[in-house]
Amino acid sequence: MNVIIKQIKLIERVDRLVRMQATGSPDELAYRLSISKTKLYRIINVMKQLGAPIEYDFSIQSFVYEQAVGFTFGFYEKELQTDKVMIRKA
């Protein structure tokens, strides 16, 4: 289970850097994350499979999103809705 959490945290970190357009080159990003370039590309492929429109922009030397997207994973409090049943008296 710890492996899944580590992967999610890594995706969140890559996502944050992509949003800031501050990833640098693939080599720089892999170094910054303390992972291999191969593992970086695996993470990016997982992000793409999850629907991330991620690409590399050579002009700014950073991964970017082609369009605005959001990423969230985890549980959050949600307001409970109860279905009210109206009973009519005859």
PDB file of N, CA and C in Angstrom:
ATOM      1  N   MET A   1       0.827  -1.196   0.000  1.00  0.00           N
ATOM      2  CA  MET A   1       0.000   0.000   0.000  1.00  0.00           C
ATOM      3  C   MET A   1       0.866   1.252   0.000  1.00  0.00           C
ATOM      4  N   ASN A   2       1.978   1.221   0.668  1.00  0.00           N
ATOM      5  CA  ASN A   2       2.876   2.362   0.720  1.00  0.00           C
ATOM      6  C   ASN A   2       3.354   2.772  -0.675  1.00  0.00           C
ATOM      7  N   VAL A   3       3.486   1.797  -1.577  1.00  0.00           N
ATOM      8  CA  VAL A   3       3.937   2.065  -2.940  1.00  0.00           C
ATOM      9  C   VAL A   3       2.926   2.955  -3.653  1.00  0.00           C
ATOM     10  N   ILE A   4       1.656   2.677  -3.474  1.00  0.00           N
ATOM     11  CA  ILE A   4       0.597   3.466  -4.109  1.00  0.00           C
ATOM     12  C   ILE A   4       0.648   4.904  -3.609  1.00  0.00           C
ATOM     13  N   ILE A   5       0.789   5.082  -2.322  1.00  0.00           N
ATOM     14  CA  ILE A   5       0.840   6.425  -1.743  1.00  0.00           C
ATOM     15  C   ILE A   5       2.054   7.188  -2.271  1.00  0.00           C
ATOM     16  N   LYS A   6       3.190   6.522  -2.375  1.00  0.00           N
ATOM     17  CA  LYS A   6       4.392   7.167  -2.907  1.00  0.00           C
ATOM     18  C   LYS A   6       4.179   7.611  -4.353  1.00  0.00           C
ATOM     19  N   GLN A   7       3.524   6.764  -5.143  1.00  0.00           N
ATOM     20  CA  GLN A   7       3.250   7.098  -6.545  1.00  0.00           C
ATOM     21  C   GLN A   7       2.312   8.302  -6.640  1.00  0.00           C
ATOM     22  N   ILE A   8       1.288   8.319  -5.809  1.00  0.00           N
ATOM     23  CA  ILE A   8       0.343   9.441  -5.817  1.00  0.00           C
ATOM     24  C   ILE A   8       1.051  10.730  -5.428  1.00  0.00           C
ATOM     25  N   LYS A   9       1.887  10.672  -4.399  1.00  0.00           N
ATOM     26  CA  LYS A   9       2.643  11.852  -3.979  1.00  0.00           C
ATOM     27  C   LYS A   9       3.560  12.341  -5.094  1.00  0.00           C
ATOM     28  N   LEU A  10       4.169  11.410  -5.820  1.00  0.00           N
ATOM     29  CA  LEU A  10       5.042  11.767  -6.933  1.00  0.00           C
ATOM     30  C   LEU A  10       4.235  12.435  -8.048  1.00  0.00           C
ATOM     31  N   ILE A  11       3.072  11.890  -8.361  1.00  0.00           N
ATOM     32  CA  ILE A  11       2.199  12.494  -9.370  1.00  0.00           C
ATOM     33  C   ILE A  11       1.791  13.898  -8.933  1.00  0.00           C
ATOM     34  N   GLU A  12       1.443  14.062  -7.664  1.00  0.00           N
ATOM     35  CA  GLU A  12       1.065  15.388  -7.156  1.00  0.00           C
ATOM     36  C   GLU A  12       2.217  16.375  -7.307  1.00  0.00           C
ATOM     37  N   ARG A  13       3.434  15.927  -7.051  1.00  0.00           N
ATOM     38  CA  ARG A  13       4.606  16.810  -7.149  1.00  0.00           C
ATOM     39  C   ARG A  13       4.872  17.196  -8.602  1.00  0.00           C
ATOM     40  N   VAL A  14       4.788  16.213  -9.506  1.00  0.00           N
ATOM     41  CA  VAL A  14       4.966  16.506 -10.931  1.00  0.00           C
ATOM     42  C   VAL A  14       3.868  17.461 -11.390  1.00  0.00           C
ATOM     43  N   ASP A  15       2.642  17.206 -10.979  1.00  0.00           N
ATOM     44  CA  ASP A  15       1.517  18.071 -11.345  1.00  0.00           C
ATOM     45  C   ASP A  15       1.774  19.516 -10.922  1.00  0.00           C
ATOM     46  N   ARG A  16       2.237  19.703  -9.703  1.00  0.00           N
ATOM     47  CA  ARG A  16       2.505  21.052  -9.187  1.00  0.00           C
ATOM     48  C   ARG A  16       3.570  21.756 -10.037  1.00  0.00           C
ATOM     49  N   LEU A  17       4.642  21.034 -10.386  1.00  0.00           N
ATOM     50  CA  LEU A  17       5.704  21.623 -11.194  1.00  0.00           C
ATOM     51  C   LEU A  17       5.235  21.927 -12.622  1.00  0.00           C
ATOM     52  N   VAL A  18       4.411  21.053 -13.171  1.00  0.00           N
ATOM     53  CA  VAL A  18       3.871  21.282 -14.515  1.00  0.00           C
ATOM     54  C   VAL A  18       2.993  22.527 -14.508  1.00  0.00           C
ATOM     55  N   ARG A  19       2.154  22.679 -13.482  1.00  0.00           N
ATOM     56  CA  ARG A  19       1.301  23.875 -13.384  1.00  0.00           C
ATOM     57  C   ARG A  19       2.129  25.162 -13.345  1.00  0.00           C
ATOM     58  N   MET A  20       3.266  25.109 -12.691  1.00  0.00           N
ATOM     59  CA  MET A  20       4.136  26.286 -12.592  1.00  0.00           C
ATOM     60  C   MET A  20       5.021  26.430 -13.838  1.00  0.00           C
ATOM     61  N   GLN A  21       4.941  25.447 -14.741  1.00  0.00           N
ATOM     62  CA  GLN A  21       5.789  25.378 -15.928  1.00  0.00           C
ATOM     63  C   GLN A  21       7.255  25.487 -15.513  1.00  0.00           C
ATOM     64  N   ALA A  22       7.587  24.719 -14.488  1.00  0.00           N
ATOM     65  CA  ALA A  22       8.928  24.779 -13.897  1.00  0.00           C
ATOM     66  C   ALA A  22       9.562  23.404 -13.752  1.00  0.00           C
ATOM     67  N   THR A  23       9.298  22.518 -14.708  1.00  0.00           N
ATOM     68  CA  THR A  23       9.865  21.177 -14.591  1.00  0.00           C
ATOM     69  C   THR A  23      11.305  21.117 -15.055  1.00  0.00           C
ATOM     70  N   GLY A  24      11.666  21.984 -15.993  1.00  0.00           N
ATOM     71  CA  GLY A  24      12.970  21.870 -16.623  1.00  0.00           C
ATOM     72  C   GLY A  24      12.942  20.710 -17.606  1.00  0.00           C
ATOM     73  N   SER A  25      14.097  20.330 -18.078  1.00  0.00           N
ATOM     74  CA  SER A  25      14.187  19.215 -19.030  1.00  0.00           C
ATOM     75  C   SER A  25      13.852  17.904 -18.309  1.00  0.00           C
ATOM     76  N   PRO A  26      13.569  16.848 -19.066  1.00  0.00           N
ATOM     77  CA  PRO A  26      13.317  15.550 -18.422  1.00  0.00           C
ATOM     78  C   PRO A  26      14.467  15.111 -17.510  1.00  0.00           C
ATOM     79  N   ASP A  27      15.705  15.345 -17.944  1.00  0.00           N
ATOM     80  CA  ASP A  27      16.852  14.986 -17.108  1.00  0.00           C
ATOM     81  C   ASP A  27      16.847  15.776 -15.799  1.00  0.00           C
ATOM     82  N   GLU A  28      16.590  17.088 -15.899  1.00  0.00           N
ATOM     83  CA  GLU A  28      16.564  17.939 -14.708  1.00  0.00           C
ATOM     84  C   GLU A  28      15.433  17.546 -13.763  1.00  0.00           C
ATOM     85  N   LEU A  29      14.268  17.250 -14.337  1.00  0.00           N
ATOM     86  CA  LEU A  29      13.122  16.870 -13.506  1.00  0.00           C
ATOM     87  C   LEU A  29      13.376  15.542 -12.804  1.00  0.00           C
ATOM     88  N   ALA A  30      13.907  14.578 -13.518  1.00  0.00           N
ATOM     89  CA  ALA A  30      14.216  13.282 -12.905  1.00  0.00           C
ATOM     90  C   ALA A  30      15.212  13.468 -11.760  1.00  0.00           C
ATOM     91  N   TYR A  31      16.224  14.306 -11.981  1.00  0.00           N
ATOM     92  CA  TYR A  31      17.216  14.576 -10.934  1.00  0.00           C
ATOM     93  C   TYR A  31      16.565  15.246  -9.729  1.00  0.00           C
ATOM     94  N   ARG A  32      15.719  16.237  -9.990  1.00  0.00           N
ATOM     95  CA  ARG A  32      15.044  16.967  -8.915  1.00  0.00           C
ATOM     96  C   ARG A  32      14.157  16.035  -8.075  1.00  0.00           C
ATOM     97  N   LEU A  33      13.538  15.063  -8.733  1.00  0.00           N
ATOM     98  CA  LEU A  33      12.646  14.125  -8.040  1.00  0.00           C
ATOM     99  C   LEU A  33      13.384  12.922  -7.471  1.00  0.00           C
ATOM    100  N   SER A  34      14.680  12.829  -7.743  1.00  0.00           N
ATOM    101  CA  SER A  34      15.512  11.694  -7.299  1.00  0.00           C
ATOM    102  C   SER A  34      14.998  10.362  -7.841  1.00  0.00           C
ATOM    103  N   ILE A  35      14.624  10.390  -9.135  1.00  0.00           N
ATOM    104  CA  ILE A  35      14.184   9.170  -9.806  1.00  0.00           C
ATOM    105  C   ILE A  35      14.897   9.075 -11.145  1.00  0.00           C
ATOM    106  N   SER A  36      14.824   7.914 -11.764  1.00  0.00           N
ATOM    107  CA  SER A  36      15.434   7.753 -13.084  1.00  0.00           C
ATOM    108  C   SER A  36      14.540   8.415 -14.136  1.00  0.00           C
ATOM    109  N   LYS A  37      15.132   8.696 -15.275  1.00  0.00           N
ATOM    110  CA  LYS A  37      14.367   9.277 -16.378  1.00  0.00           C
ATOM    111  C   LYS A  37      13.301   8.291 -16.858  1.00  0.00           C
ATOM    112  N   THR A  38      13.616   7.016 -16.814  1.00  0.00           N
ATOM    113  CA  THR A  38      12.647   5.983 -17.192  1.00  0.00           C
ATOM    114  C   THR A  38      11.439   6.021 -16.272  1.00  0.00           C
ATOM    115  N   LYS A  39      11.685   6.122 -14.962  1.00  0.00           N
ATOM    116  CA  LYS A  39      10.572   6.187 -14.012  1.00  0.00           C
ATOM    117  C   LYS A  39       9.762   7.466 -14.222  1.00  0.00           C
ATOM    118  N   LEU A  40      10.436   8.566 -14.549  1.00  0.00           N
ATOM    119  CA  LEU A  40       9.732   9.811 -14.834  1.00  0.00           C
ATOM    120  C   LEU A  40       8.761   9.616 -15.989  1.00  0.00           C
ATOM    121  N   TYR A  41       9.224   9.001 -17.058  1.00  0.00           N
ATOM    122  CA  TYR A  41       8.343   8.787 -18.207  1.00  0.00           C
ATOM    123  C   TYR A  41       7.210   7.813 -17.883  1.00  0.00           C
ATOM    124  N   ARG A  42       7.448   6.863 -16.993  1.00  0.00           N
ATOM    125  CA  ARG A  42       6.356   5.980 -16.544  1.00  0.00           C
ATOM    126  C   ARG A  42       5.289   6.791 -15.808  1.00  0.00           C
ATOM    127  N   ILE A  43       5.732   7.698 -14.926  1.00  0.00           N
ATOM    128  CA  ILE A  43       4.799   8.545 -14.178  1.00  0.00           C
ATOM    129  C   ILE A  43       3.999   9.422 -15.143  1.00  0.00           C
ATOM    130  N   ILE A  44       4.680  10.016 -16.111  1.00  0.00           N
ATOM    131  CA  ILE A  44       3.991  10.861 -17.091  1.00  0.00           C
ATOM    132  C   ILE A  44       2.985  10.047 -17.896  1.00  0.00           C
ATOM    133  N   ASN A  45       3.339   8.818 -18.252  1.00  0.00           N
ATOM    134  CA  ASN A  45       2.390   7.956 -18.979  1.00  0.00           C
ATOM    135  C   ASN A  45       1.181   7.619 -18.124  1.00  0.00           C
ATOM    136  N   VAL A  46       1.383   7.381 -16.829  1.00  0.00           N
ATOM    137  CA  VAL A  46       0.262   7.126 -15.923  1.00  0.00           C
ATOM    138  C   VAL A  46      -0.635   8.367 -15.875  1.00  0.00           C
ATOM    139  N   MET A  47      -0.015   9.545 -15.786  1.00  0.00           N
ATOM    140  CA  MET A  47      -0.790  10.784 -15.768  1.00  0.00           C
ATOM    141  C   MET A  47      -1.616  10.921 -17.049  1.00  0.00           C
ATOM    142  N   LYS A  48      -1.021  10.584 -18.191  1.00  0.00           N
ATOM    143  CA  LYS A  48      -1.750  10.633 -19.462  1.00  0.00           C
ATOM    144  C   LYS A  48      -2.913   9.649 -19.470  1.00  0.00           C
ATOM    145  N   GLN A  49      -2.688   8.453 -18.922  1.00  0.00           N
ATOM    146  CA  GLN A  49      -3.766   7.459 -18.853  1.00  0.00           C
ATOM    147  C   GLN A  49      -4.908   7.939 -17.967  1.00  0.00           C
ATOM    148  N   LEU A  50      -4.580   8.780 -16.986  1.00  0.00           N
ATOM    149  CA  LEU A  50      -5.600   9.344 -16.104  1.00  0.00           C
ATOM    150  C   LEU A  50      -6.264  10.583 -16.718  1.00  0.00           C
ATOM    151  N   GLY A  51      -5.829  10.964 -17.919  1.00  0.00           N
ATOM    152  CA  GLY A  51      -6.461  12.068 -18.624  1.00  0.00           C
ATOM    153  C   GLY A  51      -5.699  13.378 -18.635  1.00  0.00           C
ATOM    154  N   ALA A  52      -4.461  13.384 -18.167  1.00  0.00           N
ATOM    155  CA  ALA A  52      -3.676  14.620 -18.151  1.00  0.00           C
ATOM    156  C   ALA A  52      -3.216  14.955 -19.576  1.00  0.00           C
ATOM    157  N   PRO A  53      -3.551  16.155 -20.065  1.00  0.00           N
ATOM    158  CA  PRO A  53      -3.106  16.559 -21.406  1.00  0.00           C
ATOM    159  C   PRO A  53      -1.692  17.147 -21.345  1.00  0.00           C
ATOM    160  N   ILE A  54      -0.744  16.330 -20.948  1.00  0.00           N
ATOM    161  CA  ILE A  54       0.621  16.797 -20.685  1.00  0.00           C
ATOM    162  C   ILE A  54       1.498  16.618 -21.927  1.00  0.00           C
ATOM    163  N   GLU A  55       2.312  17.622 -22.181  1.00  0.00           N
ATOM    164  CA  GLU A  55       3.270  17.553 -23.280  1.00  0.00           C
ATOM    165  C   GLU A  55       4.506  18.353 -22.890  1.00  0.00           C
ATOM    166  N   TYR A  56       5.570  18.169 -23.658  1.00  0.00           N
ATOM    167  CA  TYR A  56       6.807  18.906 -23.386  1.00  0.00           C
ATOM    168  C   TYR A  56       6.895  20.081 -24.335  1.00  0.00           C
ATOM    169  N   ASP A  57       7.129  21.263 -23.791  1.00  0.00           N
ATOM    170  CA  ASP A  57       7.274  22.483 -24.582  1.00  0.00           C
ATOM    171  C   ASP A  57       8.764  22.810 -24.678  1.00  0.00           C
ATOM    172  N   PHE A  58       9.329  22.611 -25.860  1.00  0.00           N
ATOM    173  CA  PHE A  58      10.770  22.823 -26.057  1.00  0.00           C
ATOM    174  C   PHE A  58      11.163  24.284 -25.906  1.00  0.00           C
ATOM    175  N   SER A  59      10.249  25.201 -26.232  1.00  0.00           N
ATOM    176  CA  SER A  59      10.603  26.618 -26.182  1.00  0.00           C
ATOM    177  C   SER A  59      10.839  27.115 -24.756  1.00  0.00           C
ATOM    178  N   ILE A  60      10.111  26.554 -23.781  1.00  0.00           N
ATOM    179  CA  ILE A  60      10.309  26.971 -22.381  1.00  0.00           C
ATOM    180  C   ILE A  60      11.002  25.898 -21.547  1.00  0.00           C
ATOM    181  N   GLN A  61      11.353  24.795 -22.202  1.00  0.00           N
ATOM    182  CA  GLN A  61      12.060  23.699 -21.523  1.00  0.00           C
ATOM    183  C   GLN A  61      11.303  23.213 -20.292  1.00  0.00           C
ATOM    184  N   SER A  62      10.009  22.890 -20.486  1.00  0.00           N
ATOM    185  CA  SER A  62       9.197  22.412 -19.371  1.00  0.00           C
ATOM    186  C   SER A  62       8.026  21.589 -19.897  1.00  0.00           C
ATOM    187  N   PHE A  63       7.596  20.642 -19.072  1.00  0.00           N
ATOM    188  CA  PHE A  63       6.335  19.971 -19.366  1.00  0.00           C
ATOM    189  C   PHE A  63       5.225  20.960 -19.068  1.00  0.00           C
ATOM    190  N   VAL A  64       4.162  20.912 -19.857  1.00  0.00           N
ATOM    191  CA  VAL A  64       3.024  21.813 -19.681  1.00  0.00           C
ATOM    192  C   VAL A  64       1.739  21.025 -19.920  1.00  0.00           C
ATOM    193  N   TYR A  65       0.633  21.593 -19.487  1.00  0.00           N
ATOM    194  CA  TYR A  65      -0.678  21.049 -19.820  1.00  0.00           C
ATOM    195  C   TYR A  65      -1.206  21.789 -21.039  1.00  0.00           C
ATOM    196  N   GLU A  66      -1.775  21.057 -22.004  1.00  0.00           N
ATOM    197  CA  GLU A  66      -2.337  21.659 -23.210  1.00  0.00           C
ATOM    198  C   GLU A  66      -3.575  22.487 -22.878  1.00  0.00           C
ATOM    199  N   GLN A  67      -4.243  22.132 -21.797  1.00  0.00           N
ATOM    200  CA  GLN A  67      -5.430  22.858 -21.350  1.00  0.00           C
ATOM    201  C   GLN A  67      -5.483  22.798 -19.836  1.00  0.00           C
ATOM    202  N   ALA A  68      -6.272  23.681 -19.255  1.00  0.00           N
ATOM    203  CA  ALA A  68      -6.367  23.735 -17.792  1.00  0.00           C
ATOM    204  C   ALA A  68      -7.065  22.483 -17.265  1.00  0.00           C
ATOM    205  N   VAL A  69      -6.417  21.810 -16.326  1.00  0.00           N
ATOM    206  CA  VAL A  69      -6.981  20.617 -15.697  1.00  0.00           C
ATOM    207  C   VAL A  69      -6.687  20.670 -14.201  1.00  0.00           C
ATOM    208  N   GLY A  70      -7.360  19.830 -13.463  1.00  0.00           N
ATOM    209  CA  GLY A  70      -7.118  19.709 -12.035  1.00  0.00           C
ATOM    210  C   GLY A  70      -6.853  18.255 -11.694  1.00  0.00           C
ATOM    211  N   PHE A  71      -6.099  18.033 -10.649  1.00  0.00           N
ATOM    212  CA  PHE A  71      -5.832  16.673 -10.183  1.00  0.00           C
ATOM    213  C   PHE A  71      -6.052  16.634  -8.681  1.00  0.00           C
ATOM    214  N   THR A  72      -6.833  15.681  -8.262  1.00  0.00           N
ATOM    215  CA  THR A  72      -7.022  15.466  -6.835  1.00  0.00           C
ATOM    216  C   THR A  72      -7.202  13.973  -6.606  1.00  0.00           C
ATOM    217  N   PHE A  73      -6.633  13.510  -5.536  1.00  0.00           N
ATOM    218  CA  PHE A  73      -6.786  12.110  -5.179  1.00  0.00           C
ATOM    219  C   PHE A  73      -6.860  12.033  -3.672  1.00  0.00           C
ATOM    220  N   GLY A  74      -7.869  11.393  -3.180  1.00  0.00           N
ATOM    221  CA  GLY A  74      -8.022  11.268  -1.743  1.00  0.00           C
ATOM    222  C   GLY A  74      -9.478  11.440  -1.347  1.00  0.00           C
ATOM    223  N   PHE A  75      -9.696  11.477  -0.071  1.00  0.00           N
ATOM    224  CA  PHE A  75     -11.040  11.615   0.453  1.00  0.00           C
ATOM    225  C   PHE A  75     -11.226  13.003   1.024  1.00  0.00           C
ATOM    226  N   TYR A  76     -12.426  13.489   0.938  1.00  0.00           N
ATOM    227  CA  TYR A  76     -12.753  14.798   1.478  1.00  0.00           C
ATOM    228  C   TYR A  76     -14.153  14.745   2.056  1.00  0.00           C
ATOM    229  N   GLU A  77     -14.440  15.665   2.965  1.00  0.00           N
ATOM    230  CA  GLU A  77     -15.759  15.689   3.577  1.00  0.00           C
ATOM    231  C   GLU A  77     -16.777  16.175   2.571  1.00  0.00           C
ATOM    232  N   LYS A  78     -17.892  15.546   2.577  1.00  0.00           N
ATOM    233  CA  LYS A  78     -18.960  15.865   1.651  1.00  0.00           C
ATOM    234  C   LYS A  78     -20.235  16.033   2.443  1.00  0.00           C
ATOM    235  N   GLU A  79     -20.998  17.029   2.090  1.00  0.00           N
ATOM    236  CA  GLU A  79     -22.261  17.256   2.782  1.00  0.00           C
ATOM    237  C   GLU A  79     -23.231  16.149   2.403  1.00  0.00           C
ATOM    238  N   LEU A  80     -23.790  15.508   3.412  1.00  0.00           N
ATOM    239  CA  LEU A  80     -24.731  14.423   3.159  1.00  0.00           C
ATOM    240  C   LEU A  80     -26.068  14.977   2.717  1.00  0.00           C
ATOM    241  N   GLN A  81     -26.633  14.347   1.712  1.00  0.00           N
ATOM    242  CA  GLN A  81     -27.961  14.716   1.261  1.00  0.00           C
ATOM    243  C   GLN A  81     -28.892  13.559   1.571  1.00  0.00           C
ATOM    244  N   THR A  82     -30.010  13.869   2.152  1.00  0.00           N
ATOM    245  CA  THR A  82     -30.985  12.823   2.430  1.00  0.00           C
ATOM    246  C   THR A  82     -32.169  13.041   1.521  1.00  0.00           C
ATOM    247  N   ASP A  83     -32.639  11.970   0.976  1.00  0.00           N
ATOM    248  CA  ASP A  83     -33.827  12.047   0.129  1.00  0.00           C
ATOM    249  C   ASP A  83     -35.044  12.043   1.036  1.00  0.00           C
ATOM    250  N   LYS A  84     -35.817  13.085   0.948  1.00  0.00           N
ATOM    251  CA  LYS A  84     -37.011  13.188   1.766  1.00  0.00           C
ATOM    252  C   LYS A  84     -38.190  12.596   1.017  1.00  0.00           C
ATOM    253  N   VAL A  85     -38.916  11.771   1.709  1.00  0.00           N
ATOM    254  CA  VAL A  85     -40.098  11.164   1.120  1.00  0.00           C
ATOM    255  C   VAL A  85     -41.315  11.828   1.731  1.00  0.00           C
ATOM    256  N   MET A  86     -42.140  12.367   0.895  1.00  0.00           N
ATOM    257  CA  MET A  86     -43.359  13.016   1.356  1.00  0.00           C
ATOM    258  C   MET A  86     -44.451  11.957   1.444  1.00  0.00           C
ATOM    259  N   ILE A  87     -45.094  11.872   2.595  1.00  0.00           N
ATOM    260  CA  ILE A  87     -46.202  10.942   2.781  1.00  0.00           C
ATOM    261  C   ILE A  87     -47.474  11.767   2.872  1.00  0.00           C
ATOM    262  N   ARG A  88     -48.387  11.469   2.028  1.00  0.00           N
ATOM    263  CA  ARG A  88     -49.656  12.192   2.011  1.00  0.00           C
ATOM    264  C   ARG A  88     -50.682  11.423   2.826  1.00  0.00           C
ATOM    265  N   LYS A  89     -51.385  12.151   3.648  1.00  0.00           N
ATOM    266  CA  LYS A  89     -52.444  11.512   4.440  1.00  0.00           C
ATOM    267  C   LYS A  89     -53.753  11.660   3.688  1.00  0.00           C
ATOM    268  N   ALA A  90     -54.534  10.575   3.704  1.00  0.00           N
ATOM    269  CA  ALA A  90     -55.810  10.581   3.001  1.00  0.00           C
ATOM    270  C   ALA A  90     -56.932  11.131   3.835  1.00  0.00           C
TER     271      ALA A  90
END
